[in-house]
């Protein structure tokens, strides 16, 4: 199973971006979902950079295994989780 988060709806609302990112990460951990697809879109790349900075926070980084940038669609990221 995979979760998908499309940030097109909240791209211009700064507080909401962090909240929805945190919500999807928390949901993946709670439901033991192995992959979250995050779609910041192509645009200028600023939203993607913001998502990557969010994912690099120490308390967030401890929750997931790795981040994969889609080589064929640079407007999409995958966050992979590993559960025991």
N, C-alpha and C. Protein backbone atom coordinates (compact mmCIF):
# COMPACT_ATOMS: atom_id res chain seq x y z
N UNK A 1 0.84 -1.18 0.00
CA UNK A 1 0.00 0.00 0.00
C UNK A 1 0.88 1.25 0.00
N UNK A 2 0.40 2.31 -0.61
CA UNK A 2 1.16 3.55 -0.74
C UNK A 2 0.23 4.72 -0.46
N UNK A 3 0.77 5.74 0.21
CA UNK A 3 0.04 7.00 0.40
C UNK A 3 0.53 8.00 -0.63
N UNK A 4 -0.35 8.91 -1.02
CA UNK A 4 0.00 9.93 -2.00
C UNK A 4 -0.41 11.30 -1.46
N UNK A 5 0.50 12.25 -1.55
CA UNK A 5 0.23 13.62 -1.11
C UNK A 5 0.56 14.57 -2.25
N UNK A 6 -0.45 15.23 -2.76
CA UNK A 6 -0.28 16.22 -3.82
C UNK A 6 -0.31 17.62 -3.18
N UNK A 7 0.78 18.33 -3.27
CA UNK A 7 0.90 19.64 -2.61
C UNK A 7 0.38 20.80 -3.45
N UNK A 8 -0.19 20.54 -4.60
CA UNK A 8 -0.72 21.61 -5.44
C UNK A 8 -1.80 22.42 -4.71
N UNK A 9 -2.54 21.77 -3.83
CA UNK A 9 -3.64 22.44 -3.12
C UNK A 9 -3.13 23.46 -2.09
N UNK A 10 -1.96 23.22 -1.50
CA UNK A 10 -1.49 24.05 -0.38
C UNK A 10 -0.16 24.75 -0.66
N UNK A 11 0.28 24.76 -1.91
CA UNK A 11 1.62 25.26 -2.23
C UNK A 11 1.87 26.70 -1.77
N UNK A 12 0.84 27.50 -1.65
CA UNK A 12 1.04 28.91 -1.27
C UNK A 12 0.63 29.20 0.18
N UNK A 13 0.40 28.17 0.97
CA UNK A 13 0.05 28.35 2.39
C UNK A 13 1.12 27.68 3.25
N UNK A 14 2.07 28.46 3.66
CA UNK A 14 3.27 27.98 4.32
C UNK A 14 3.01 27.04 5.50
N UNK A 15 2.14 27.47 6.42
CA UNK A 15 1.86 26.64 7.60
C UNK A 15 1.23 25.31 7.23
N UNK A 16 0.37 25.33 6.25
CA UNK A 16 -0.32 24.11 5.84
C UNK A 16 0.62 23.08 5.22
N UNK A 17 1.66 23.54 4.55
CA UNK A 17 2.61 22.62 3.92
C UNK A 17 3.25 21.72 4.98
N UNK A 18 3.79 22.31 6.03
CA UNK A 18 4.42 21.52 7.09
C UNK A 18 3.40 20.61 7.78
N UNK A 19 2.20 21.11 7.98
CA UNK A 19 1.17 20.30 8.65
C UNK A 19 0.80 19.08 7.83
N UNK A 20 0.55 19.25 6.53
CA UNK A 20 0.15 18.10 5.72
C UNK A 20 1.30 17.11 5.53
N UNK A 21 2.52 17.62 5.47
CA UNK A 21 3.68 16.72 5.39
C UNK A 21 3.79 15.90 6.66
N UNK A 22 3.67 16.55 7.79
CA UNK A 22 3.75 15.84 9.07
C UNK A 22 2.61 14.82 9.20
N UNK A 23 1.41 15.22 8.78
CA UNK A 23 0.26 14.31 8.85
C UNK A 23 0.47 13.05 8.02
N UNK A 24 0.99 13.19 6.80
CA UNK A 24 1.17 12.02 5.95
C UNK A 24 2.29 11.12 6.48
N UNK A 25 3.34 11.71 7.03
CA UNK A 25 4.42 10.90 7.62
C UNK A 25 3.89 10.15 8.84
N UNK A 26 3.14 10.84 9.69
CA UNK A 26 2.57 10.19 10.88
C UNK A 26 1.61 9.06 10.49
N UNK A 27 0.81 9.28 9.45
CA UNK A 27 -0.14 8.26 9.00
C UNK A 27 0.61 7.04 8.47
N UNK A 28 1.67 7.26 7.71
CA UNK A 28 2.47 6.15 7.19
C UNK A 28 3.06 5.32 8.32
N UNK A 29 3.57 5.98 9.34
CA UNK A 29 4.16 5.28 10.48
C UNK A 29 3.08 4.51 11.23
N UNK A 30 1.95 5.15 11.49
CA UNK A 30 0.87 4.51 12.25
C UNK A 30 0.31 3.29 11.53
N UNK A 31 0.18 3.38 10.22
CA UNK A 31 -0.41 2.29 9.43
C UNK A 31 0.63 1.35 8.82
N UNK A 32 1.91 1.62 9.13
CA UNK A 32 3.02 0.83 8.60
C UNK A 32 3.00 0.74 7.08
N UNK A 33 2.81 1.88 6.46
CA UNK A 33 2.80 1.97 5.00
C UNK A 33 4.24 2.18 4.53
N UNK A 34 4.66 1.42 3.56
CA UNK A 34 6.07 1.41 3.17
C UNK A 34 6.50 2.57 2.28
N UNK A 35 5.57 3.19 1.55
CA UNK A 35 5.94 4.26 0.63
C UNK A 35 4.93 5.39 0.66
N UNK A 36 5.47 6.62 0.71
CA UNK A 36 4.64 7.81 0.56
C UNK A 36 5.14 8.55 -0.68
N UNK A 37 4.22 8.83 -1.59
CA UNK A 37 4.54 9.60 -2.78
C UNK A 37 4.14 11.05 -2.52
N UNK A 38 5.11 11.95 -2.64
CA UNK A 38 4.84 13.38 -2.43
C UNK A 38 5.04 14.08 -3.76
N UNK A 39 4.03 14.86 -4.15
CA UNK A 39 4.08 15.57 -5.43
C UNK A 39 4.12 17.07 -5.16
N UNK A 40 5.35 17.64 -5.14
CA UNK A 40 5.45 19.09 -5.01
C UNK A 40 5.22 19.80 -6.35
N UNK A 41 5.30 19.05 -7.43
CA UNK A 41 5.15 19.63 -8.76
C UNK A 41 6.48 20.13 -9.29
N UNK A 42 6.48 20.52 -10.53
CA UNK A 42 7.73 20.95 -11.17
C UNK A 42 8.01 22.41 -10.88
N UNK A 43 7.22 23.31 -11.36
CA UNK A 43 7.35 24.73 -11.05
C UNK A 43 8.78 25.22 -11.00
N UNK A 44 9.06 26.09 -10.03
CA UNK A 44 10.39 26.68 -9.88
C UNK A 44 11.34 25.79 -9.08
N UNK A 45 10.79 24.79 -8.43
CA UNK A 45 11.61 23.89 -7.61
C UNK A 45 11.67 24.29 -6.15
N UNK A 46 11.10 25.44 -5.80
CA UNK A 46 11.18 25.91 -4.42
C UNK A 46 10.38 25.03 -3.46
N UNK A 47 9.21 24.55 -3.90
CA UNK A 47 8.39 23.71 -3.04
C UNK A 47 9.08 22.36 -2.80
N UNK A 48 9.71 21.82 -3.83
CA UNK A 48 10.45 20.56 -3.67
C UNK A 48 11.60 20.75 -2.67
N UNK A 49 12.30 21.87 -2.78
CA UNK A 49 13.38 22.14 -1.83
C UNK A 49 12.85 22.24 -0.41
N UNK A 50 11.70 22.87 -0.26
CA UNK A 50 11.09 22.99 1.07
C UNK A 50 10.73 21.61 1.63
N UNK A 51 10.17 20.75 0.78
CA UNK A 51 9.82 19.39 1.21
C UNK A 51 11.08 18.64 1.64
N UNK A 52 12.14 18.75 0.87
CA UNK A 52 13.39 18.07 1.22
C UNK A 52 13.96 18.60 2.53
N UNK A 53 13.87 19.92 2.76
CA UNK A 53 14.34 20.49 4.04
C UNK A 53 13.50 19.95 5.19
N UNK A 54 12.18 19.84 4.98
CA UNK A 54 11.30 19.29 6.01
C UNK A 54 11.73 17.86 6.33
N UNK A 55 11.98 17.06 5.31
CA UNK A 55 12.35 15.66 5.51
C UNK A 55 13.72 15.50 6.16
N UNK A 56 14.57 16.51 6.07
CA UNK A 56 15.90 16.45 6.67
C UNK A 56 15.91 16.81 8.15
N UNK A 57 14.79 17.28 8.69
CA UNK A 57 14.74 17.59 10.11
C UNK A 57 15.01 16.31 10.91
N UNK A 58 15.79 16.45 11.96
CA UNK A 58 16.24 15.30 12.73
C UNK A 58 15.09 14.40 13.19
N UNK A 59 14.03 14.99 13.73
CA UNK A 59 12.93 14.19 14.27
C UNK A 59 12.10 13.52 13.17
N UNK A 60 12.09 14.11 11.98
CA UNK A 60 11.38 13.52 10.85
C UNK A 60 12.24 12.43 10.21
N UNK A 61 13.51 12.73 10.04
CA UNK A 61 14.43 11.78 9.40
C UNK A 61 14.50 10.45 10.16
N UNK A 62 14.29 10.50 11.46
CA UNK A 62 14.34 9.29 12.27
C UNK A 62 13.16 8.36 11.98
N UNK A 63 12.13 8.87 11.32
CA UNK A 63 10.92 8.08 11.09
C UNK A 63 10.94 7.28 9.80
N UNK A 64 11.75 7.67 8.83
CA UNK A 64 11.74 6.98 7.54
C UNK A 64 13.11 6.40 7.22
N UNK A 65 13.13 5.55 6.20
CA UNK A 65 14.36 4.87 5.79
C UNK A 65 15.16 5.69 4.77
N UNK A 66 14.49 6.11 3.67
CA UNK A 66 15.20 6.88 2.65
C UNK A 66 14.22 7.66 1.78
N UNK A 67 14.77 8.66 1.08
CA UNK A 67 14.00 9.48 0.13
C UNK A 67 14.55 9.19 -1.26
N UNK A 68 13.62 8.99 -2.19
CA UNK A 68 14.00 8.73 -3.58
C UNK A 68 13.41 9.83 -4.47
N UNK A 69 14.26 10.44 -5.27
CA UNK A 69 13.80 11.42 -6.25
C UNK A 69 13.49 10.65 -7.52
N UNK A 70 12.31 10.87 -8.08
CA UNK A 70 11.90 10.17 -9.28
C UNK A 70 12.74 10.66 -10.46
N UNK A 71 13.48 9.77 -11.08
CA UNK A 71 14.36 10.12 -12.18
C UNK A 71 13.63 10.49 -13.46
N UNK A 72 12.39 10.06 -13.59
CA UNK A 72 11.63 10.34 -14.81
C UNK A 72 10.66 11.51 -14.64
N UNK A 73 10.35 11.85 -13.40
CA UNK A 73 9.43 12.96 -13.12
C UNK A 73 10.00 13.73 -11.93
N UNK A 74 10.74 14.80 -12.19
CA UNK A 74 11.42 15.50 -11.10
C UNK A 74 10.47 16.30 -10.22
N UNK A 75 9.17 16.23 -10.48
CA UNK A 75 8.18 16.87 -9.63
C UNK A 75 7.57 15.90 -8.64
N UNK A 76 8.27 14.79 -8.38
CA UNK A 76 7.72 13.76 -7.49
C UNK A 76 8.85 13.15 -6.65
N UNK A 77 8.53 12.89 -5.38
CA UNK A 77 9.46 12.24 -4.44
C UNK A 77 8.78 11.03 -3.82
N UNK A 78 9.58 10.06 -3.45
CA UNK A 78 9.08 8.91 -2.71
C UNK A 78 9.81 8.83 -1.38
N UNK A 79 9.06 8.66 -0.32
CA UNK A 79 9.65 8.48 1.01
C UNK A 79 9.40 7.03 1.38
N UNK A 80 10.47 6.29 1.62
CA UNK A 80 10.38 4.85 1.91
C UNK A 80 10.57 4.61 3.42
N UNK A 81 9.75 3.72 3.93
CA UNK A 81 9.80 3.36 5.35
C UNK A 81 10.20 1.90 5.47
N UNK A 82 10.82 1.57 6.57
CA UNK A 82 11.17 0.19 6.86
C UNK A 82 10.68 -0.12 8.28
N UNK A 83 9.86 -1.14 8.39
CA UNK A 83 9.30 -1.52 9.68
C UNK A 83 9.76 -2.92 10.04
N UNK A 84 9.94 -3.14 11.32
CA UNK A 84 10.38 -4.47 11.79
C UNK A 84 9.21 -5.31 12.19
